[in-house]
Amino acid sequence: MTRPPPSGPRLRGRLSPEKAAARARDEEVRRQVRATFVQNLVAAYRAAGEPGSIEVSPDGQRVTFGGPPRRVQSLTQSYTMWLKELPHRRGAVLLHLARYRFGSAVRTASPDAVTDGDLRFDCIACCGQEEPLLLRCPGCGTAWIDCMECSRRHSAEPQPRKLERGHDDRCHECNRPLAIEDGSLEPMLVTREELGTLGLASLLRS
């Protein structure tokens, strides 16, 4: 016996032409919004002084900087941060993202070094303008997280806590002077592998 054609509600999983068109419009809007973010972020990095090539993946999820040094950075957290901000504040977010990584005052020739732009901004809580940087004493090996905005030190652990203020130019553990040659923090930086050994991989930006 031949079944009559289905009537009533449409079969599950099939969109009406109107809904399909609406979905396509939403996808196009999202694509344009992300494209605007990428375009403006690249412009911000250029304004911050990034001299090398800047290549964004076709899906807009990561950016590769030719350097030197050559680095690959995920854009997922940066895009979310920008998207959640009020429209008139998004420019400031881009300037912040551009300044604190490749336009940072932290200079290093090592592509594996962890600098201020590699750590989550919210991994510490202190002055409200947190700019975390993981440092380690060249003498005793003690590590800590320094806020580059207010110079407050925090413990190097998955849930960092504020440390008692000591001498900013000395290690708070061994009291060794932290001499910085030519303004470089290179001797005090750690690599990504060392960060993992310290059990602090969760502090990295995604």
N, C-alpha and C. Protein backbone atom coordinates (compact mmCIF):
# COMPACT_ATOMS: atom_id res chain seq x y z
N MET A 1 0.86 -1.20 0.00
CA MET A 1 0.00 0.00 0.00
C MET A 1 0.89 1.24 0.00
N THR A 2 0.58 2.18 -0.89
CA THR A 2 1.40 3.39 -1.01
C THR A 2 1.05 4.38 0.09
N ARG A 3 2.12 4.88 0.80
CA ARG A 3 1.88 5.85 1.87
C ARG A 3 1.63 7.23 1.27
N PRO A 4 0.71 7.98 1.84
CA PRO A 4 0.47 9.34 1.36
C PRO A 4 1.65 10.23 1.73
N PRO A 5 1.89 11.32 1.04
CA PRO A 5 2.98 12.23 1.37
C PRO A 5 2.78 12.80 2.76
N PRO A 6 3.87 13.06 3.49
CA PRO A 6 3.76 13.58 4.86
C PRO A 6 3.09 14.94 4.87
N SER A 7 2.28 15.17 5.88
CA SER A 7 1.62 16.45 6.03
C SER A 7 1.84 16.95 7.44
N GLY A 8 1.44 18.15 7.70
CA GLY A 8 1.60 18.70 9.04
C GLY A 8 3.01 19.25 9.22
N PRO A 9 3.55 19.18 10.46
CA PRO A 9 4.87 19.74 10.74
C PRO A 9 5.94 19.12 9.86
N ARG A 10 6.97 19.92 9.53
CA ARG A 10 8.07 19.43 8.72
C ARG A 10 8.89 18.42 9.50
N LEU A 11 9.57 17.55 8.75
CA LEU A 11 10.40 16.54 9.38
C LEU A 11 11.51 17.20 10.18
N ARG A 12 11.87 16.58 11.30
CA ARG A 12 12.94 17.12 12.13
C ARG A 12 14.25 17.13 11.36
N GLY A 13 15.05 18.14 11.62
CA GLY A 13 16.36 18.22 11.00
C GLY A 13 16.36 18.97 9.68
N ARG A 14 15.20 19.31 9.16
CA ARG A 14 15.10 20.03 7.90
C ARG A 14 14.59 21.44 8.17
N LEU A 15 15.35 22.43 7.67
CA LEU A 15 14.96 23.81 7.89
C LEU A 15 14.09 24.31 6.75
N SER A 16 13.18 25.19 7.11
CA SER A 16 12.38 25.84 6.07
C SER A 16 13.28 26.80 5.32
N PRO A 17 12.93 27.18 4.10
CA PRO A 17 13.76 28.14 3.35
C PRO A 17 13.99 29.44 4.12
N GLU A 18 12.96 29.88 4.86
CA GLU A 18 13.10 31.13 5.62
C GLU A 18 14.15 31.00 6.72
N LYS A 19 14.10 29.86 7.46
CA LYS A 19 15.06 29.66 8.53
C LYS A 19 16.47 29.44 7.97
N ALA A 20 16.56 28.74 6.86
CA ALA A 20 17.86 28.52 6.25
C ALA A 20 18.47 29.85 5.81
N ALA A 21 17.64 30.73 5.27
CA ALA A 21 18.14 32.04 4.84
C ALA A 21 18.57 32.87 6.04
N ALA A 22 17.79 32.79 7.13
CA ALA A 22 18.13 33.53 8.34
C ALA A 22 19.45 33.03 8.92
N ARG A 23 19.63 31.71 8.91
CA ARG A 23 20.88 31.14 9.43
C ARG A 23 22.07 31.59 8.58
N ALA A 24 21.89 31.61 7.28
CA ALA A 24 22.96 32.04 6.38
C ALA A 24 23.33 33.49 6.63
N ARG A 25 22.29 34.34 6.89
CA ARG A 25 22.56 35.75 7.17
C ARG A 25 23.34 35.89 8.47
N ASP A 26 22.97 35.10 9.49
CA ASP A 26 23.67 35.16 10.78
C ASP A 26 25.13 34.74 10.62
N GLU A 27 25.37 33.70 9.83
CA GLU A 27 26.74 33.24 9.61
C GLU A 27 27.56 34.31 8.90
N GLU A 28 26.94 34.99 7.95
CA GLU A 28 27.65 36.04 7.23
C GLU A 28 27.98 37.21 8.15
N VAL A 29 27.05 37.57 9.04
CA VAL A 29 27.30 38.64 9.99
C VAL A 29 28.47 38.27 10.91
N ARG A 30 28.45 37.02 11.41
CA ARG A 30 29.56 36.58 12.27
C ARG A 30 30.89 36.60 11.53
N ARG A 31 30.86 36.19 10.28
CA ARG A 31 32.09 36.19 9.48
C ARG A 31 32.61 37.62 9.31
N GLN A 32 31.72 38.55 9.04
CA GLN A 32 32.12 39.94 8.85
C GLN A 32 32.66 40.55 10.15
N VAL A 33 32.03 40.20 11.27
CA VAL A 33 32.48 40.72 12.56
C VAL A 33 33.89 40.23 12.87
N ARG A 34 34.13 38.92 12.66
CA ARG A 34 35.48 38.38 12.90
C ARG A 34 36.50 38.99 11.94
N ALA A 35 36.09 39.19 10.68
CA ALA A 35 37.00 39.79 9.71
C ALA A 35 37.38 41.21 10.14
N THR A 36 36.41 41.95 10.68
CA THR A 36 36.69 43.30 11.18
C THR A 36 37.68 43.25 12.34
N PHE A 37 37.48 42.30 13.25
CA PHE A 37 38.39 42.13 14.38
C PHE A 37 39.81 41.85 13.89
N VAL A 38 39.95 40.90 12.98
CA VAL A 38 41.27 40.52 12.48
C VAL A 38 41.94 41.70 11.78
N GLN A 39 41.20 42.40 10.94
CA GLN A 39 41.75 43.54 10.20
C GLN A 39 42.24 44.62 11.17
N ASN A 40 41.43 44.95 12.16
CA ASN A 40 41.80 46.00 13.11
C ASN A 40 42.93 45.56 14.03
N LEU A 41 42.97 44.26 14.38
CA LEU A 41 44.04 43.77 15.23
C LEU A 41 45.39 43.82 14.51
N VAL A 42 45.39 43.42 13.25
CA VAL A 42 46.63 43.48 12.47
C VAL A 42 47.11 44.93 12.38
N ALA A 43 46.18 45.86 12.16
CA ALA A 43 46.54 47.28 12.10
C ALA A 43 47.11 47.75 13.43
N ALA A 44 46.55 47.26 14.53
CA ALA A 44 47.05 47.64 15.86
C ALA A 44 48.46 47.10 16.09
N TYR A 45 48.72 45.86 15.64
CA TYR A 45 50.06 45.30 15.77
C TYR A 45 51.06 46.09 14.95
N ARG A 46 50.67 46.52 13.77
CA ARG A 46 51.56 47.34 12.94
C ARG A 46 51.85 48.67 13.64
N ALA A 47 50.80 49.28 14.19
CA ALA A 47 50.97 50.55 14.89
C ALA A 47 51.87 50.41 16.11
N ALA A 48 51.89 49.20 16.70
CA ALA A 48 52.71 48.95 17.88
C ALA A 48 54.16 48.64 17.50
N GLY A 49 54.43 48.53 16.21
CA GLY A 49 55.81 48.35 15.78
C GLY A 49 56.20 46.96 15.34
N GLU A 50 55.22 46.06 15.12
CA GLU A 50 55.55 44.71 14.64
C GLU A 50 56.06 44.81 13.20
N PRO A 51 57.34 44.48 12.96
CA PRO A 51 57.93 44.71 11.64
C PRO A 51 57.78 43.57 10.64
N GLY A 52 57.67 42.34 11.14
CA GLY A 52 57.68 41.18 10.25
C GLY A 52 56.32 40.87 9.66
N SER A 53 56.26 39.74 8.99
CA SER A 53 55.00 39.33 8.36
C SER A 53 53.97 38.94 9.41
N ILE A 54 52.70 39.16 9.10
CA ILE A 54 51.58 38.80 9.97
C ILE A 54 50.59 38.02 9.12
N GLU A 55 50.43 36.74 9.40
CA GLU A 55 49.55 35.89 8.62
C GLU A 55 48.46 35.30 9.52
N VAL A 56 47.21 35.52 9.16
CA VAL A 56 46.07 35.00 9.92
C VAL A 56 45.55 33.76 9.21
N SER A 57 45.28 32.71 9.97
CA SER A 57 44.77 31.46 9.38
C SER A 57 43.43 31.71 8.71
N PRO A 58 43.07 30.92 7.69
CA PRO A 58 41.80 31.12 6.98
C PRO A 58 40.58 31.14 7.88
N ASP A 59 40.61 30.38 8.98
CA ASP A 59 39.46 30.36 9.88
C ASP A 59 39.51 31.47 10.91
N GLY A 60 40.57 32.29 10.88
CA GLY A 60 40.67 33.41 11.81
C GLY A 60 40.94 33.01 13.25
N GLN A 61 41.43 31.79 13.48
CA GLN A 61 41.62 31.28 14.84
C GLN A 61 43.02 31.54 15.39
N ARG A 62 43.99 31.78 14.51
CA ARG A 62 45.36 31.99 15.01
C ARG A 62 46.11 32.91 14.05
N VAL A 63 47.16 33.52 14.59
CA VAL A 63 47.97 34.43 13.80
C VAL A 63 49.43 34.00 13.92
N THR A 64 50.16 34.08 12.83
CA THR A 64 51.58 33.74 12.81
C THR A 64 52.38 34.99 12.51
N PHE A 65 53.31 35.31 13.40
CA PHE A 65 54.18 36.46 13.23
C PHE A 65 55.54 35.99 12.74
N GLY A 66 55.99 36.57 11.63
CA GLY A 66 57.27 36.17 11.07
C GLY A 66 58.46 36.54 11.92
N GLY A 67 58.27 37.57 12.78
CA GLY A 67 59.32 37.95 13.71
C GLY A 67 60.47 38.71 13.06
N PRO A 68 61.69 38.59 13.61
CA PRO A 68 62.02 37.62 14.67
C PRO A 68 61.60 38.11 16.05
N PRO A 69 61.33 37.13 16.98
CA PRO A 69 61.26 35.69 16.72
C PRO A 69 59.91 35.31 16.11
N ARG A 70 59.87 34.18 15.42
CA ARG A 70 58.63 33.70 14.84
C ARG A 70 57.76 33.12 15.94
N ARG A 71 56.49 33.57 15.99
CA ARG A 71 55.57 33.06 17.01
C ARG A 71 54.21 32.78 16.39
N VAL A 72 53.51 31.81 16.97
CA VAL A 72 52.14 31.51 16.57
C VAL A 72 51.25 31.74 17.78
N GLN A 73 50.21 32.54 17.63
CA GLN A 73 49.35 32.91 18.75
C GLN A 73 47.89 32.62 18.43
N SER A 74 47.19 32.01 19.37
CA SER A 74 45.76 31.78 19.21
C SER A 74 45.01 33.10 19.36
N LEU A 75 43.97 33.27 18.56
CA LEU A 75 43.15 34.48 18.62
C LEU A 75 41.83 34.24 19.35
N THR A 76 41.63 33.03 19.84
CA THR A 76 40.33 32.68 20.44
C THR A 76 40.01 33.57 21.63
N GLN A 77 40.92 33.65 22.60
CA GLN A 77 40.66 34.44 23.80
C GLN A 77 40.63 35.93 23.47
N SER A 78 41.52 36.37 22.58
CA SER A 78 41.56 37.78 22.20
C SER A 78 40.25 38.21 21.55
N TYR A 79 39.73 37.35 20.68
CA TYR A 79 38.47 37.67 19.98
C TYR A 79 37.31 37.72 20.97
N THR A 80 37.28 36.78 21.91
CA THR A 80 36.22 36.77 22.92
C THR A 80 36.27 38.02 23.77
N MET A 81 37.49 38.42 24.17
CA MET A 81 37.67 39.63 24.97
C MET A 81 37.18 40.86 24.22
N TRP A 82 37.52 40.95 22.95
CA TRP A 82 37.11 42.09 22.12
C TRP A 82 35.60 42.09 21.91
N LEU A 83 35.04 40.91 21.67
CA LEU A 83 33.61 40.80 21.37
C LEU A 83 32.75 41.19 22.58
N LYS A 84 33.22 40.88 23.79
CA LYS A 84 32.45 41.16 25.00
C LYS A 84 32.52 42.62 25.40
N GLU A 85 33.49 43.34 24.87
CA GLU A 85 33.67 44.74 25.25
C GLU A 85 32.65 45.63 24.55
N LEU A 86 32.34 46.76 25.15
CA LEU A 86 31.45 47.73 24.51
C LEU A 86 32.11 48.26 23.25
N PRO A 87 31.30 48.55 22.22
CA PRO A 87 31.88 48.99 20.94
C PRO A 87 32.89 50.12 21.06
N HIS A 88 32.61 51.12 21.91
CA HIS A 88 33.54 52.24 22.00
C HIS A 88 34.80 51.91 22.78
N ARG A 89 34.85 50.71 23.39
CA ARG A 89 36.03 50.30 24.13
C ARG A 89 36.88 49.28 23.37
N ARG A 90 36.39 48.82 22.24
CA ARG A 90 37.09 47.76 21.52
C ARG A 90 38.44 48.21 20.99
N GLY A 91 38.55 49.48 20.64
CA GLY A 91 39.84 50.00 20.17
C GLY A 91 40.91 49.89 21.25
N ALA A 92 40.52 50.17 22.50
CA ALA A 92 41.46 50.08 23.61
C ALA A 92 41.90 48.64 23.84
N VAL A 93 40.97 47.70 23.65
CA VAL A 93 41.31 46.29 23.79
C VAL A 93 42.36 45.89 22.76
N LEU A 94 42.18 46.33 21.53
CA LEU A 94 43.13 46.01 20.47
C LEU A 94 44.50 46.60 20.76
N LEU A 95 44.53 47.83 21.25
CA LEU A 95 45.80 48.46 21.58
C LEU A 95 46.51 47.70 22.70
N HIS A 96 45.73 47.23 23.66
CA HIS A 96 46.29 46.45 24.77
C HIS A 96 46.87 45.14 24.24
N LEU A 97 46.13 44.45 23.39
CA LEU A 97 46.60 43.18 22.84
C LEU A 97 47.85 43.39 22.00
N ALA A 98 47.90 44.48 21.27
CA ALA A 98 49.05 44.75 20.41
C ALA A 98 50.27 45.14 21.22
N ARG A 99 50.06 45.93 22.25
CA ARG A 99 51.19 46.40 23.05
C ARG A 99 51.83 45.28 23.84
N TYR A 100 50.99 44.43 24.41
CA TYR A 100 51.53 43.41 25.30
C TYR A 100 51.60 42.04 24.63
N ARG A 101 52.45 41.94 23.73
CA ARG A 101 53.01 40.71 23.20
C ARG A 101 54.16 41.06 22.30
N PHE A 102 53.89 41.30 21.06
CA PHE A 102 54.97 41.58 20.13
C PHE A 102 55.38 43.05 20.19
N GLY A 103 54.54 43.90 20.76
CA GLY A 103 54.93 45.28 20.98
C GLY A 103 55.35 45.50 22.41
N SER A 104 55.62 44.42 23.14
CA SER A 104 55.93 44.48 24.55
C SER A 104 57.34 44.99 24.81
N ALA A 105 57.57 45.44 26.04
CA ALA A 105 58.90 45.86 26.45
C ALA A 105 59.77 44.65 26.77
N VAL A 106 59.16 43.47 26.82
CA VAL A 106 59.91 42.25 27.11
C VAL A 106 60.49 41.72 25.81
N ARG A 107 61.77 41.89 25.64
CA ARG A 107 62.44 41.47 24.42
C ARG A 107 63.17 40.15 24.66
N THR A 108 63.01 39.24 23.74
CA THR A 108 63.71 37.96 23.83
C THR A 108 63.92 37.40 22.43
N ALA A 109 65.06 36.74 22.26
CA ALA A 109 65.36 36.10 20.98
C ALA A 109 64.91 34.65 20.97
N SER A 110 64.42 34.16 22.11
CA SER A 110 64.01 32.76 22.22
C SER A 110 62.54 32.60 21.84
N PRO A 111 62.23 31.78 20.84
CA PRO A 111 60.84 31.58 20.47
C PRO A 111 60.06 30.77 21.50
N ASP A 112 60.76 30.13 22.45
CA ASP A 112 60.09 29.32 23.46
C ASP A 112 59.89 30.05 24.78
N ALA A 113 60.40 31.27 24.88
CA ALA A 113 60.31 32.01 26.14
C ALA A 113 58.88 32.44 26.41
N VAL A 114 58.47 32.35 27.67
CA VAL A 114 57.13 32.80 28.09
C VAL A 114 57.24 34.26 28.50
N THR A 115 56.48 35.12 27.84
CA THR A 115 56.51 36.54 28.16
C THR A 115 55.13 36.99 28.62
N ASP A 116 54.97 38.30 28.76
CA ASP A 116 53.72 38.84 29.32
C ASP A 116 52.49 38.51 28.49
N GLY A 117 52.65 38.42 27.17
CA GLY A 117 51.50 38.14 26.33
C GLY A 117 51.07 36.69 26.30
N ASP A 118 51.86 35.81 26.93
CA ASP A 118 51.53 34.39 26.91
C ASP A 118 50.64 33.97 28.08
N LEU A 119 50.62 34.77 29.15
CA LEU A 119 49.83 34.42 30.33
C LEU A 119 48.44 35.07 30.27
N ARG A 120 47.45 34.40 30.86
CA ARG A 120 46.10 34.95 30.94
C ARG A 120 46.13 36.21 31.79
N PHE A 121 45.43 37.25 31.32
CA PHE A 121 45.38 38.49 32.08
C PHE A 121 44.75 38.28 33.46
N ASP A 122 43.81 37.32 33.54
CA ASP A 122 43.07 37.12 34.79
C ASP A 122 43.71 36.08 35.70
N CYS A 123 44.95 35.69 35.43
CA CYS A 123 45.57 34.67 36.28
C CYS A 123 46.00 35.25 37.62
N ILE A 124 46.08 36.58 37.72
CA ILE A 124 46.36 37.24 39.00
C ILE A 124 45.31 38.32 39.22
N ALA A 125 45.19 38.76 40.44
CA ALA A 125 44.26 39.84 40.78
C ALA A 125 44.98 40.79 41.73
N CYS A 126 45.21 42.02 41.27
CA CYS A 126 45.88 42.96 42.17
C CYS A 126 45.41 44.39 41.92
N CYS A 127 45.90 45.05 40.87
CA CYS A 127 45.67 46.48 40.72
C CYS A 127 44.51 46.85 39.80
N GLY A 128 43.93 45.86 39.14
CA GLY A 128 42.86 46.13 38.20
C GLY A 128 43.34 46.31 36.77
N GLN A 129 44.64 46.46 36.59
CA GLN A 129 45.24 46.58 35.25
C GLN A 129 46.31 45.50 35.10
N GLU A 130 45.96 44.28 35.48
CA GLU A 130 46.93 43.20 35.57
C GLU A 130 47.66 42.92 34.26
N GLU A 131 48.99 42.85 34.36
CA GLU A 131 49.85 42.50 33.23
C GLU A 131 50.88 41.51 33.75
N PRO A 132 50.51 40.22 33.84
CA PRO A 132 51.37 39.22 34.47
C PRO A 132 52.56 38.80 33.63
N LEU A 133 53.68 38.61 34.30
CA LEU A 133 54.90 38.11 33.67
C LEU A 133 55.57 37.15 34.64
N LEU A 134 55.84 35.94 34.18
CA LEU A 134 56.48 34.92 35.01
C LEU A 134 57.99 35.12 34.97
N LEU A 135 58.60 35.24 36.14
CA LEU A 135 60.04 35.43 36.25
C LEU A 135 60.64 34.37 37.17
N ARG A 136 61.96 34.19 37.06
CA ARG A 136 62.64 33.23 37.91
C ARG A 136 64.01 33.76 38.27
N CYS A 137 64.38 33.61 39.54
CA CYS A 137 65.67 34.07 40.03
C CYS A 137 66.78 33.24 39.38
N PRO A 138 67.76 33.87 38.74
CA PRO A 138 68.86 33.13 38.12
C PRO A 138 69.73 32.41 39.15
N GLY A 139 69.63 32.85 40.43
CA GLY A 139 70.46 32.25 41.46
C GLY A 139 69.87 31.00 42.08
N CYS A 140 68.72 31.15 42.76
CA CYS A 140 68.14 30.02 43.48
C CYS A 140 67.05 29.31 42.69
N GLY A 141 66.60 29.90 41.58
CA GLY A 141 65.58 29.25 40.75
C GLY A 141 64.15 29.50 41.20
N THR A 142 63.96 30.31 42.23
CA THR A 142 62.59 30.62 42.69
C THR A 142 61.83 31.38 41.60
N ALA A 143 60.61 30.95 41.34
CA ALA A 143 59.78 31.59 40.31
C ALA A 143 58.65 32.36 40.97
N TRP A 144 58.22 33.40 40.29
CA TRP A 144 57.08 34.19 40.76
C TRP A 144 56.44 34.89 39.57
N ILE A 145 55.24 35.40 39.78
CA ILE A 145 54.55 36.16 38.74
C ILE A 145 54.57 37.63 39.13
N ASP A 146 55.09 38.44 38.25
CA ASP A 146 55.20 39.87 38.51
C ASP A 146 54.14 40.61 37.71
N CYS A 147 53.44 41.54 38.35
CA CYS A 147 52.51 42.40 37.62
C CYS A 147 53.31 43.57 37.07
N MET A 148 53.40 43.67 35.75
CA MET A 148 54.20 44.71 35.13
C MET A 148 53.60 46.11 35.32
N GLU A 149 52.33 46.16 35.70
CA GLU A 149 51.68 47.45 35.89
C GLU A 149 52.01 48.05 37.25
N CYS A 150 51.97 47.24 38.31
CA CYS A 150 52.17 47.78 39.66
C CYS A 150 53.36 47.15 40.39
N SER A 151 54.05 46.19 39.75
CA SER A 151 55.24 45.53 40.31
C SER A 151 54.93 44.63 41.50
N ARG A 152 53.66 44.29 41.70
CA ARG A 152 53.32 43.38 42.79
C ARG A 152 53.69 41.95 42.40
N ARG A 153 54.28 41.22 43.35
CA ARG A 153 54.66 39.84 43.09
C ARG A 153 53.60 38.88 43.59
N HIS A 154 53.45 37.77 42.85
CA HIS A 154 52.49 36.72 43.19
C HIS A 154 53.20 35.38 43.11
N SER A 155 52.72 34.45 43.89
CA SER A 155 53.32 33.12 43.90
C SER A 155 53.12 32.42 42.57
N ALA A 156 54.10 31.60 42.18
CA ALA A 156 54.03 30.85 40.93
C ALA A 156 53.37 29.51 41.22
N GLU A 157 52.04 29.52 41.20
CA GLU A 157 51.25 28.31 41.42
C GLU A 157 49.95 28.45 40.66
N PRO A 158 49.21 27.35 40.44
CA PRO A 158 47.99 27.42 39.64
C PRO A 158 46.98 28.46 40.11
N GLN A 159 46.93 28.70 41.43
CA GLN A 159 46.08 29.76 41.99
C GLN A 159 46.99 30.78 42.67
N PRO A 160 47.61 31.69 41.91
CA PRO A 160 48.59 32.62 42.47
C PRO A 160 48.02 33.46 43.61
N ARG A 161 48.86 33.70 44.61
CA ARG A 161 48.48 34.57 45.73
C ARG A 161 49.51 35.69 45.86
N LYS A 162 49.07 36.79 46.42
CA LYS A 162 49.98 37.93 46.59
C LYS A 162 51.07 37.59 47.60
N LEU A 163 52.28 38.04 47.31
CA LEU A 163 53.41 37.86 48.21
C LEU A 163 53.67 39.16 48.96
N GLU A 164 54.27 39.02 50.12
CA GLU A 164 54.64 40.21 50.88
C GLU A 164 55.65 41.02 50.07
N ARG A 165 55.48 42.32 50.08
CA ARG A 165 56.40 43.16 49.32
C ARG A 165 57.80 43.09 49.92
N GLY A 166 58.79 42.97 49.05
CA GLY A 166 60.18 43.02 49.46
C GLY A 166 60.88 44.07 48.62
N HIS A 167 62.15 43.84 48.38
CA HIS A 167 62.89 44.75 47.50
C HIS A 167 62.62 44.33 46.06
N ASP A 168 62.15 45.26 45.25
CA ASP A 168 61.81 44.92 43.88
C ASP A 168 63.03 44.51 43.07
N ASP A 169 64.22 44.89 43.51
CA ASP A 169 65.43 44.57 42.76
C ASP A 169 66.16 43.37 43.35
N ARG A 170 65.49 42.62 44.25
CA ARG A 170 66.11 41.44 44.84
C ARG A 170 65.12 40.27 44.84
N CYS A 171 65.67 39.06 44.85
CA CYS A 171 64.84 37.87 44.97
C CYS A 171 64.27 37.81 46.38
N HIS A 172 62.99 37.58 46.51
CA HIS A 172 62.36 37.56 47.83
C HIS A 172 62.71 36.28 48.61
N GLU A 173 63.33 35.31 47.93
CA GLU A 173 63.67 34.06 48.59
C GLU A 173 65.13 34.03 49.06
N CYS A 174 66.06 34.35 48.15
CA CYS A 174 67.48 34.28 48.50
C CYS A 174 68.12 35.65 48.67
N ASN A 175 67.36 36.71 48.40
CA ASN A 175 67.82 38.09 48.55
C ASN A 175 68.92 38.47 47.56
N ARG A 176 69.06 37.68 46.52
CA ARG A 176 70.07 37.98 45.50
C ARG A 176 69.63 39.18 44.68
N PRO A 177 70.56 40.11 44.39
CA PRO A 177 70.21 41.24 43.52
C PRO A 177 69.84 40.74 42.13
N LEU A 178 68.77 41.29 41.58
CA LEU A 178 68.31 40.89 40.26
C LEU A 178 68.83 41.89 39.23
N ALA A 179 70.12 41.80 38.96
CA ALA A 179 70.73 42.72 38.01
C ALA A 179 70.22 42.43 36.61
N ILE A 180 69.77 43.46 35.94
CA ILE A 180 69.25 43.33 34.59
C ILE A 180 70.21 44.04 33.64
N GLU A 181 70.87 43.28 32.81
CA GLU A 181 71.85 43.85 31.89
C GLU A 181 71.16 44.39 30.64
N ASP A 182 71.50 45.64 30.31
CA ASP A 182 70.97 46.27 29.10
C ASP A 182 69.44 46.28 29.07
N GLY A 183 68.83 46.28 30.25
CA GLY A 183 67.37 46.32 30.31
C GLY A 183 66.69 45.05 29.87
N SER A 184 67.44 43.95 29.73
CA SER A 184 66.86 42.69 29.26
C SER A 184 66.50 41.78 30.42
N LEU A 185 65.31 41.18 30.34
CA LEU A 185 64.87 40.21 31.34
C LEU A 185 65.20 38.78 30.92
N GLU A 186 65.92 38.62 29.83
CA GLU A 186 66.20 37.31 29.26
C GLU A 186 66.66 36.27 30.28
N PRO A 187 67.62 36.60 31.18
CA PRO A 187 68.09 35.58 32.13
C PRO A 187 67.02 35.12 33.12
N MET A 188 65.93 35.88 33.25
CA MET A 188 64.91 35.57 34.25
C MET A 188 63.66 34.94 33.65
N LEU A 189 63.61 34.81 32.32
CA LEU A 189 62.43 34.23 31.67
C LEU A 189 62.50 32.70 31.69
N VAL A 190 61.34 32.07 31.62
CA VAL A 190 61.27 30.61 31.56
C VAL A 190 60.71 30.20 30.20
N THR A 191 60.96 28.97 29.81
CA THR A 191 60.42 28.46 28.55
C THR A 191 59.08 27.80 28.81
N ARG A 192 58.38 27.47 27.74
CA ARG A 192 57.09 26.78 27.87
C ARG A 192 57.27 25.41 28.50
N GLU A 193 58.37 24.75 28.16
CA GLU A 193 58.62 23.43 28.74
C GLU A 193 58.83 23.55 30.25
N GLU A 194 59.59 24.55 30.66
CA GLU A 194 59.83 24.77 32.09
C GLU A 194 58.55 25.15 32.81
N LEU A 195 57.69 25.90 32.12
CA LEU A 195 56.40 26.28 32.71
C LEU A 195 55.58 25.03 32.99
N GLY A 196 55.60 24.08 32.05
CA GLY A 196 54.88 22.84 32.25
C GLY A 196 55.46 22.04 33.40
N THR A 197 56.79 22.05 33.53
CA THR A 197 57.45 21.34 34.63
C THR A 197 57.04 21.92 35.98
N LEU A 198 56.81 23.23 36.00
CA LEU A 198 56.38 23.90 37.23
C LEU A 198 54.90 23.66 37.52
N GLY A 199 54.21 22.99 36.60
CA GLY A 199 52.78 22.74 36.79
C GLY A 199 51.91 23.96 36.58
N LEU A 200 52.37 24.88 35.71
CA LEU A 200 51.65 26.15 35.51
C LEU A 200 51.11 26.32 34.10
N ALA A 201 50.96 25.22 33.39
CA ALA A 201 50.46 25.31 32.02
C ALA A 201 49.06 25.93 31.96
N SER A 202 48.30 25.81 33.05
CA SER A 202 46.93 26.35 33.06
C SER A 202 46.91 27.87 33.04
N LEU A 203 48.06 28.51 33.29
CA LEU A 203 48.12 29.97 33.29
C LEU A 203 48.30 30.55 31.89
N LEU A 204 48.60 29.68 30.93
CA LEU A 204 48.81 30.14 29.57
C LEU A 204 47.50 30.52 28.90
N ARG A 205 47.57 31.49 28.02
CA ARG A 205 46.42 31.83 27.21
C ARG A 205 46.17 30.70 26.24
N SER A 206 44.91 30.47 25.91
CA SER A 206 44.56 29.38 24.99
C SER A 206 44.90 29.76 23.56
